[in-house]
Protein backbone atom coordinates (compact mmCIF):
# COMPACT_ATOMS: atom_id res chain seq x y z
CA MET A 1 -19.89 22.60 -34.77
CA SER A 2 -17.17 25.23 -34.70
CA ASP A 3 -14.01 25.02 -32.68
CA GLY A 4 -13.91 26.81 -29.36
CA LYS A 5 -12.00 30.02 -28.84
CA TYR A 6 -8.93 29.85 -26.61
CA LEU A 7 -9.05 32.29 -23.71
CA GLY A 8 -5.97 31.53 -21.62
CA TYR A 9 -5.02 30.35 -18.18
CA SER A 10 -7.11 31.18 -15.11
CA ALA A 11 -5.12 31.87 -11.95
CA ASN A 12 -8.34 31.54 -9.96
CA THR A 13 -9.32 28.03 -11.06
CA HIS A 14 -5.90 26.87 -12.31
CA GLU A 15 -7.37 25.71 -15.63
CA TRP A 16 -6.90 26.56 -19.29
CA LEU A 17 -10.14 28.16 -20.39
CA PHE A 18 -12.01 28.15 -23.70
CA LEU A 19 -15.26 29.79 -24.76
CA GLU A 20 -16.08 26.29 -25.89
CA TYR A 21 -13.67 23.36 -25.92
CA GLN A 22 -12.36 22.49 -29.35
CA ASN A 23 -14.30 20.00 -31.43
CA ILE A 24 -11.47 17.49 -31.73
CA PRO A 25 -12.57 14.07 -33.09
CA VAL A 26 -12.50 11.33 -30.44
CA THR A 27 -12.59 7.66 -31.41
CA HIS A 28 -12.42 6.21 -27.89
CA ASP A 29 -12.02 7.77 -24.48
CA GLY A 30 -13.03 6.76 -20.99
CA PRO A 31 -14.53 5.32 -19.06
CA TYR A 32 -14.65 8.18 -16.57
CA VAL A 33 -16.44 6.61 -13.62
CA PHE A 34 -18.30 8.61 -10.97
CA LYS A 35 -20.37 7.70 -7.94
CA ILE A 36 -23.82 9.28 -8.21
CA GLU A 37 -26.32 8.74 -5.40
CA GLY A 38 -24.55 5.55 -4.36
CA ASN A 39 -24.30 4.13 -7.89
CA ARG A 40 -21.33 4.07 -10.23
CA VAL A 41 -21.84 5.61 -13.65
CA ALA A 42 -19.31 5.15 -16.48
CA ASN A 43 -18.92 7.91 -19.07
CA TYR A 44 -17.73 6.76 -22.51
CA ILE A 45 -16.85 8.99 -25.44
CA SER A 46 -16.85 7.46 -28.92
CA GLY A 47 -16.86 8.61 -32.52
CA ASP A 48 -15.95 7.90 -36.13
CA LYS A 49 -13.48 10.80 -36.63
CA ILE A 50 -16.02 12.50 -38.93
CA SER A 51 -19.14 13.31 -36.93
CA PRO A 52 -19.01 14.90 -33.46
CA ALA A 53 -18.22 12.35 -30.77
CA LYS A 54 -21.06 10.95 -28.67
CA LEU A 55 -21.33 10.50 -24.92
CA SER A 56 -22.75 7.34 -23.36
CA ARG A 57 -23.50 7.13 -19.64
CA ILE A 58 -23.89 3.58 -18.34
CA LYS A 59 -24.63 2.36 -14.82
CA VAL A 60 -22.03 -0.19 -13.75
CA LYS A 61 -21.89 -2.45 -10.70
CA ASP A 62 -18.67 -4.14 -9.66
CA ARG A 63 -16.60 -3.74 -12.82
CA VAL A 64 -16.13 -1.67 -15.95
CA SER A 65 -15.10 -2.41 -19.55
CA VAL A 66 -12.22 -0.41 -21.07
CA THR A 67 -11.52 0.07 -24.79
CA VAL A 68 -8.12 1.39 -25.85
CA ASP A 69 -7.73 3.98 -28.59
CA ASN A 70 -5.28 1.89 -30.62
CA GLU A 71 -5.28 -0.07 -33.87
CA LEU A 72 -6.49 -3.24 -32.14
CA ASN A 73 -9.22 -1.52 -30.09
CA THR A 74 -7.86 -3.54 -27.19
CA THR A 75 -10.50 -4.24 -24.53
CA PHE A 76 -10.27 -5.44 -20.95
CA ASP A 77 -12.41 -5.48 -17.81
CA VAL A 78 -11.52 -3.96 -14.48
CA LYS A 79 -13.03 -4.83 -11.11
CA PHE A 80 -13.60 -1.89 -8.79
CA LYS A 81 -11.76 -1.60 -5.50
CA ASP A 82 -13.65 -1.29 -2.22
CA SER A 83 -11.26 1.36 -0.88
CA TYR A 84 -7.99 3.15 -1.61
CA PRO A 85 -5.68 2.75 1.39
CA ARG A 86 -2.52 4.82 1.37
CA SER A 87 0.67 3.07 0.39
CA ASP A 88 3.21 1.52 2.68
CA LEU A 89 6.29 3.73 2.56
CA ASP A 90 9.13 1.50 3.80
CA ILE A 91 8.84 -1.77 1.94
CA PRO A 92 11.00 -4.87 2.49
CA ILE A 93 12.96 -5.69 -0.61
CA PRO A 94 11.41 -8.42 -2.78
CA SER A 95 13.54 -10.81 -4.78
CA ARG A 96 12.66 -8.89 -7.94
CA TYR A 97 11.10 -5.64 -9.07
CA LEU A 98 10.74 -3.74 -12.32
CA ALA A 99 10.80 0.08 -12.25
CA ILE A 100 9.39 2.32 -15.01
CA SER A 101 8.82 6.06 -15.24
CA ASP A 102 7.31 8.66 -17.58
CA MET A 103 5.13 6.42 -19.73
CA GLU A 104 2.87 9.45 -20.36
CA GLY A 105 -0.30 7.77 -21.57
CA ASN A 106 1.45 5.41 -24.00
CA PHE A 107 -0.62 2.29 -23.41
CA ASP A 108 0.89 0.18 -26.20
CA ALA A 109 4.47 0.91 -25.12
CA MET A 110 3.61 0.02 -21.53
CA VAL A 111 1.98 -3.26 -22.52
CA ARG A 112 4.84 -4.24 -24.80
CA LEU A 113 7.41 -3.56 -22.09
CA LEU A 114 5.46 -5.42 -19.41
CA LYS A 115 4.76 -8.42 -21.63
CA ALA A 116 8.38 -8.68 -22.78
CA ASN A 117 9.51 -8.91 -19.17
CA GLY A 118 6.94 -11.36 -17.89
CA VAL A 119 4.84 -8.92 -15.86
CA ILE A 120 1.61 -9.54 -17.80
CA ASN A 121 0.31 -11.99 -20.40
CA ASP A 122 -1.59 -11.47 -23.65
CA ASP A 123 -4.81 -11.02 -21.68
CA LEU A 124 -3.19 -8.18 -19.71
CA ASP A 125 -3.31 -10.24 -16.50
CA TRP A 126 -0.59 -10.11 -13.83
CA THR A 127 1.95 -12.94 -14.26
CA TYR A 128 4.78 -11.54 -12.11
CA GLY A 129 3.94 -13.59 -9.01
CA SER A 130 5.39 -12.16 -5.81
CA SER A 131 7.57 -9.65 -7.69
CA HIS A 132 6.87 -5.92 -7.63
CA LEU A 133 6.24 -3.24 -10.25
CA VAL A 134 7.36 0.31 -9.39
CA LEU A 135 6.00 3.27 -11.37
CA VAL A 136 8.04 6.42 -10.72
CA GLY A 137 5.54 9.05 -11.88
CA ASP A 138 4.29 10.70 -15.06
CA MET A 139 2.15 7.85 -16.29
CA VAL A 140 -0.23 10.51 -17.65
CA ASP A 141 -0.35 13.41 -20.17
CA ARG A 142 0.87 13.65 -23.80
CA GLY A 143 -0.36 10.22 -24.93
CA LEU A 144 -3.74 9.23 -26.37
CA ASN A 145 -4.50 6.54 -23.79
CA VAL A 146 -4.13 8.10 -20.36
CA VAL A 147 -7.40 6.64 -19.09
CA PRO A 148 -6.85 3.03 -20.29
CA LEU A 149 -3.28 3.09 -18.95
CA LEU A 150 -4.51 4.16 -15.52
CA TRP A 151 -7.21 1.49 -15.55
CA LEU A 152 -4.57 -1.10 -16.42
CA ILE A 153 -2.41 -0.03 -13.46
CA TYR A 154 -5.51 0.00 -11.22
CA LYS A 155 -6.30 -3.57 -12.34
CA LEU A 156 -2.74 -4.88 -11.97
CA GLU A 157 -2.49 -3.43 -8.48
CA THR A 158 -5.35 -5.67 -7.34
CA GLU A 159 -4.08 -8.75 -9.17
CA ALA A 160 -0.51 -8.32 -7.89
CA LYS A 161 -1.64 -8.25 -4.26
CA LEU A 162 -3.67 -11.42 -4.75
CA ALA A 163 -0.53 -13.13 -6.11
CA GLY A 164 1.67 -11.94 -3.24
CA GLY A 165 3.30 -9.18 -5.28
CA ASP A 166 2.67 -5.46 -5.42
CA VAL A 167 2.40 -2.39 -7.65
CA HIS A 168 3.78 0.89 -6.29
CA TYR A 169 2.64 4.08 -8.00
CA ILE A 170 4.56 7.25 -7.12
CA LEU A 171 3.08 10.55 -8.28
CA GLY A 172 4.96 12.82 -10.67
CA ASN A 173 4.47 16.41 -11.74
CA HIS A 174 2.14 15.41 -14.57
CA GLU A 175 -0.17 13.59 -12.17
CA ARG A 176 -0.29 16.87 -10.28
CA TYR A 177 -1.23 18.69 -13.51
CA LEU A 178 -3.93 16.12 -14.25
CA LEU A 179 -5.54 16.35 -10.82
CA ASP A 180 -5.39 20.14 -10.96
CA GLY A 181 -7.18 20.18 -14.32
CA ARG A 182 -4.18 21.64 -16.14
CA VAL A 183 -4.09 20.51 -19.76
CA LYS A 184 -0.96 22.18 -21.12
CA SER A 185 0.59 18.77 -21.92
CA ALA A 186 -2.59 16.83 -22.71
CA ALA A 187 -3.15 15.43 -26.20
CA LYS A 188 -5.58 17.54 -28.25
CA LYS A 189 -7.98 14.58 -28.26
CA TYR A 190 -8.97 15.45 -24.71
CA TYR A 191 -10.36 18.83 -25.77
CA GLY A 192 -12.93 16.78 -27.67
CA THR A 193 -13.69 14.86 -24.48
CA PHE A 194 -14.21 18.06 -22.47
CA ARG A 195 -16.55 19.37 -25.16
CA THR A 196 -18.51 16.12 -25.49
CA THR A 197 -18.96 15.54 -21.76
CA GLY A 198 -19.58 19.18 -20.93
CA MET A 199 -17.15 18.71 -18.05
CA SER A 200 -13.93 20.56 -17.35
CA PRO A 201 -10.64 18.67 -16.87
CA LYS A 202 -10.81 19.43 -13.17
CA GLU A 203 -14.29 17.89 -12.92
CA LEU A 204 -13.30 14.76 -14.84
CA TRP A 205 -10.44 14.12 -12.42
CA SER A 206 -12.13 15.28 -9.24
CA GLU A 207 -12.26 13.36 -5.97
CA ASP A 208 -15.73 12.20 -7.04
CA SER A 209 -14.23 10.17 -9.89
CA GLU A 210 -12.98 6.62 -9.39
CA LEU A 211 -9.55 7.22 -10.91
CA GLY A 212 -9.23 10.67 -9.35
CA ALA A 213 -9.88 9.34 -5.86
CA TRP A 214 -7.53 6.40 -6.41
CA LEU A 215 -4.69 8.59 -7.69
CA ARG A 216 -5.00 10.87 -4.67
CA SER A 217 -4.15 7.90 -2.42
CA LYS A 218 -0.65 7.61 -3.93
CA PRO A 219 2.61 8.84 -2.36
CA VAL A 220 5.31 11.07 -3.84
CA MET A 221 8.16 9.09 -2.27
CA LEU A 222 8.79 5.64 -0.85
CA LYS A 223 11.68 3.26 -0.26
CA ILE A 224 12.02 -0.38 -1.16
CA GLY A 225 14.83 -2.05 0.73
CA ASP A 226 17.85 0.23 0.43
CA THR A 227 16.52 2.24 -2.54
CA LEU A 228 14.56 5.50 -2.44
CA PHE A 229 12.10 6.28 -5.25
CA VAL A 230 11.01 9.82 -6.08
CA HIS A 231 9.95 11.33 -9.39
CA GLY A 232 12.06 14.51 -9.45
CA GLY A 233 14.56 14.43 -6.62
CA VAL A 234 15.32 15.82 -3.17
CA SER A 235 16.65 19.38 -3.17
CA PRO A 236 18.74 20.91 -0.39
CA ARG A 237 15.73 22.96 0.71
CA ALA A 238 13.46 19.90 0.82
CA LEU A 239 16.07 18.00 2.81
CA SER A 240 16.46 20.89 5.27
CA TYR A 241 12.99 20.23 6.71
CA ASN A 242 14.24 16.87 8.09
CA LEU A 243 10.92 15.20 7.30
CA SER A 244 10.37 11.46 7.50
CA LEU A 245 8.63 9.45 4.78
CA GLY A 246 5.52 9.56 6.94
CA ASP A 247 5.70 13.33 7.31
CA ILE A 248 6.04 13.74 3.56
CA ASP A 249 3.11 11.42 2.89
CA ALA A 250 0.94 13.32 5.35
CA GLU A 251 1.72 16.52 3.45
CA THR A 252 0.98 14.72 0.17
CA GLN A 253 -2.40 13.66 1.48
CA ARG A 254 -3.19 17.21 2.57
CA ASN A 255 -2.13 18.50 -0.86
CA PHE A 256 -3.97 16.11 -3.12
CA VAL A 257 -6.90 14.66 -1.21
CA ILE A 258 -8.44 18.00 -0.26
CA GLY A 259 -7.86 19.40 -3.74
CA ASP A 260 -6.17 22.49 -2.31
CA THR A 261 -4.54 24.20 -5.29
CA VAL A 262 -3.52 27.10 -3.05
CA ARG A 263 -1.38 24.80 -0.92
CA ARG A 264 0.25 23.45 -4.07
CA ASN A 265 1.36 26.90 -5.12
CA ILE A 266 3.06 28.12 -1.95
CA ASP A 267 6.80 28.64 -2.31
CA GLU A 268 7.69 26.61 0.76
CA SER A 269 5.97 23.38 -0.32
CA ILE A 270 8.28 20.38 -0.08
CA ILE A 271 6.34 18.75 -2.92
CA HIS A 272 5.78 21.51 -5.47
CA GLY A 273 7.77 24.33 -6.99
CA SER A 274 10.98 24.05 -8.98
CA ASP A 275 12.84 22.46 -6.05
CA GLY A 276 9.97 20.32 -4.78
CA LEU A 277 10.02 16.53 -4.87
CA LEU A 278 7.95 16.41 -8.07
CA PHE A 279 9.97 18.97 -10.01
CA TYR A 280 13.59 19.17 -8.78
CA ARG A 281 16.15 18.34 -11.51
CA GLY A 282 19.37 18.86 -9.55
CA PHE A 283 20.07 15.13 -9.36
CA ALA A 284 20.18 15.11 -13.17
CA LYS A 285 21.59 18.41 -14.43
CA SER A 286 22.51 22.00 -13.69
CA MET A 287 19.60 24.41 -13.85
CA ASP A 288 21.76 27.45 -13.17
CA LYS A 289 21.05 29.14 -16.51
CA HIS A 290 17.35 29.05 -15.58
CA GLY A 291 18.06 30.53 -12.17
CA LEU A 292 17.17 27.23 -10.48
CA GLY A 293 20.55 26.17 -9.09
CA ASP A 294 23.47 24.02 -10.10
CA LYS A 295 23.59 20.25 -10.31
CA ALA A 296 23.55 18.67 -6.87
CA SER A 297 26.89 18.09 -5.19
CA SER A 298 28.07 14.61 -4.26
CA GLU A 299 27.91 15.74 -0.65
CA HIS A 300 24.22 16.61 -0.99
CA VAL A 301 23.45 13.24 -2.59
CA ASP A 302 25.24 11.52 0.29
CA ASN A 303 23.23 13.58 2.78
CA VAL A 304 19.98 12.48 1.13
CA LEU A 305 20.99 8.83 1.24
CA SER A 306 22.01 9.12 4.88
CA SER A 307 18.83 10.95 5.86
CA PHE A 308 16.59 8.21 4.42
CA SER A 309 18.93 5.31 5.27
CA VAL A 310 19.31 4.12 1.69
CA ASN A 311 22.18 3.36 -0.69
CA ARG A 312 20.70 4.89 -3.84
CA VAL A 313 17.81 6.91 -5.23
CA VAL A 314 15.85 6.18 -8.43
CA ILE A 315 14.37 9.14 -10.31
CA GLY A 316 12.43 9.85 -13.49
CA HIS A 317 11.44 13.32 -14.72
CA THR A 318 14.60 14.21 -16.68
CA LEU A 319 15.10 12.38 -19.95
CA VAL A 320 18.07 10.19 -20.84
CA SER A 321 18.64 8.05 -23.93
CA HIS A 322 19.17 4.91 -21.86
CA ILE A 323 18.72 4.01 -18.23
CA GLY A 324 21.93 4.42 -16.28
CA TYR A 325 23.54 5.67 -13.10
CA ASP A 326 25.26 8.83 -11.91
CA TYR A 327 27.15 9.86 -8.74
CA ASP A 328 29.11 6.59 -8.66
CA GLY A 329 25.96 4.48 -8.63
CA LYS A 330 24.05 6.50 -6.04
CA VAL A 331 21.47 7.97 -8.46
CA PHE A 332 19.69 5.85 -11.07
CA ARG A 333 17.85 7.70 -13.85
CA ILE A 334 15.09 5.83 -15.64
CA ASP A 335 13.13 8.40 -17.74
CA VAL A 336 13.65 7.20 -21.31
CA PRO A 337 11.78 8.05 -24.58
CA HIS A 338 9.16 5.27 -24.61
CA SER A 339 7.42 6.71 -27.65
CA ASN A 340 10.34 6.00 -29.99
CA GLY A 341 9.68 2.24 -29.97
CA SER A 342 12.55 1.16 -27.71
CA SER A 343 11.30 1.30 -24.13
CA GLU A 344 13.46 0.35 -21.16
CA ALA A 345 12.92 -0.45 -17.50
CA LEU A 346 15.14 -0.94 -14.48
CA LEU A 347 15.22 -4.52 -13.21
CA MET A 348 16.36 -5.46 -9.73
CA GLU A 349 16.78 -9.18 -9.31
CA ASN A 350 18.50 -10.87 -6.37
CA ALA A 351 20.20 -7.60 -5.34
CA SER A 352 21.63 -6.99 -8.85
CA PHE A 353 20.47 -4.25 -11.23
CA TRP A 354 19.91 -4.56 -14.96
CA VAL A 355 18.42 -2.62 -17.86
CA VAL A 356 15.71 -4.51 -19.74
CA ASP A 357 13.92 -3.48 -22.93
CA ASN A 358 10.68 -4.16 -24.75
CA GLU A 359 12.19 -7.15 -26.55
CA GLY A 360 13.03 -8.86 -23.27
CA ASN A 361 16.76 -8.19 -23.62
CA ARG A 362 18.83 -7.65 -20.49
CA SER A 363 22.02 -5.59 -20.26
CA PRO A 364 24.26 -4.29 -17.48
CA LEU A 365 23.45 -0.97 -15.83
CA ASN A 366 26.09 1.50 -16.99
CA GLU A 367 27.15 5.00 -16.07
CA LEU A 368 25.18 7.69 -17.89
CA ALA A 369 26.82 9.19 -20.93
CA THR A 370 23.97 11.34 -22.31
CA LEU A 371 22.54 14.58 -20.97
CA SER A 372 18.82 15.33 -20.87
CA THR A 373 17.02 16.86 -23.81
CA LYS A 374 13.65 17.39 -22.11
CA SER A 375 12.34 20.86 -21.35
CA PRO A 376 13.81 22.02 -18.03
CA ILE A 377 10.51 23.16 -16.58
CA ASP A 378 7.96 20.73 -18.06
């Protein structure tokens, strides 16, 4: 089977188009679960890296089996949720939480980091008790295990609540790309999935899919105690609307649940665009040379904290070598290069903040000394 021919980007459907999606070998992908006539059907893609991948469609009842595309072929089961209620937005501070961002489909790095810090055990079960896990966006794209990583988060969310804890998943710009069917940052493996299933990226992540519907229930901003969490940041324009957390979540629901790509591309959106909550980089760096404004002033940061009645904001989106703080401790930046083998997370324990790594080491949170190297518009 020959590779497909690349056509380009469609402004009408907001997808990258091919005459036929490329015949990229796929060892494991899925399951992509859909409800069809009241029944759940799981779509699995598998292959041997030589012959074209094969599609298996299996009816499933209350749970699904997941196989990871890694050396161990890690497997785990996930029980389906009955519903996807929207998140609480103003959460009382627990005694402990761990915050991670920008894992980007790196299942093994996520598991290693969670296990090293007592969040899960070898069976991938929640062991963090009444503590919380906070995911500050961009869990998807780039990596080879986007689907298994999402199923793991889905699973842990249920287990955490049963233990008196919680998992908070905040959407980032790459979740937006995923739900829109935009594949500019997806691993080439997924072209093989599109070809094998005969489904476009937008169809695979539609509101009819289990993971697509679940993701669309997530917020773009929330606060835990006196800390605000948002993937990109809060620009002066976004702040000027004087919206509450509830107002912002209502707009998020209108944006993502109805699948309205037109709404997501209007200049005035508080969520999208270069100075929207998913994309704004002013808390991290100057974007003046790109025509997107200078680094945020200390006064603006103070105004954001005052507006949301918090003492600090935690962001991902813009890469740093190590987790640290800026603006005299008012902005914490936690997007680190997980793929290089030395992941980090932000730990809050008994009102103190620490940096922890994938070996279980703990170190003080220090002021940032390294500027971002990530693409300014990605």
